[in-house]
Amino acid sequence: MRFEIMRLDDVDGTAVDTTVVDAASVNRIVQQAAAIGQRILIRPAEAPVS
């Protein structure tokens, strides 16, 4: 499963950066964001259209 991770602006909460990663990478990204106090939004990525 893949997840979309959006880095959010500290002032107004708008998405400033988006990346799609596999499930194994989510934990690492969450830990990095927590370490620096970064706000992120994680949601399942839409499946690509075949």
Protein backbone atom coordinates (compact mmCIF):
# COMPACT_ATOMS: atom_id res chain seq x y z
CA MET A 1 0.00 0.00 0.00
CA ARG A 2 1.17 3.52 -0.76
CA PHE A 3 0.52 6.70 1.19
CA GLU A 4 0.46 10.37 0.27
CA ILE A 5 2.28 12.53 2.82
CA MET A 6 1.76 16.27 2.76
CA ARG A 7 4.00 18.65 4.66
CA LEU A 8 1.83 21.46 6.03
CA ASP A 9 2.62 25.14 6.47
CA ASP A 10 2.99 26.08 10.14
CA VAL A 11 1.02 29.32 9.74
CA ASP A 12 -2.11 28.40 7.77
CA GLY A 13 -1.93 24.61 7.39
CA THR A 14 -1.84 24.56 3.60
CA ALA A 15 0.10 21.78 1.89
CA VAL A 16 3.54 22.97 0.81
CA ASP A 17 5.01 19.65 -0.31
CA THR A 18 3.54 16.27 -1.24
CA THR A 19 5.16 12.90 -1.70
CA VAL A 20 3.91 9.34 -2.19
CA VAL A 21 5.73 6.59 -0.31
CA ASP A 22 5.36 2.90 0.47
CA ALA A 23 4.11 1.74 3.87
CA ALA A 24 7.62 0.89 5.07
CA SER A 25 8.70 4.55 4.72
CA VAL A 26 5.80 6.08 6.66
CA ASN A 27 7.26 5.35 10.12
CA ARG A 28 10.60 6.95 9.24
CA ILE A 29 8.91 10.08 7.88
CA VAL A 30 6.65 10.39 10.93
CA GLN A 31 9.65 10.12 13.25
CA GLN A 32 11.55 12.77 11.30
CA ALA A 33 8.56 15.13 11.35
CA ALA A 34 8.05 14.60 15.08
CA ALA A 35 11.71 15.29 15.81
CA ILE A 36 11.54 18.74 14.23
CA GLY A 37 7.91 19.58 15.06
CA GLN A 38 6.77 19.49 11.46
CA ARG A 39 3.06 19.18 10.70
CA ILE A 40 2.16 16.46 8.21
CA LEU A 41 -0.99 14.85 6.84
CA ILE A 42 -0.95 11.19 5.85
CA ARG A 43 -3.62 9.50 3.75
CA PRO A 44 -3.83 6.49 1.47
CA ALA A 45 -2.67 7.31 -2.04
CA GLU A 46 -5.13 6.83 -4.85
CA ALA A 47 -4.38 3.82 -7.01
CA PRO A 48 -3.03 4.76 -10.44
CA VAL A 49 -5.47 4.35 -13.33
CA SER A 50 -4.51 1.40 -15.53
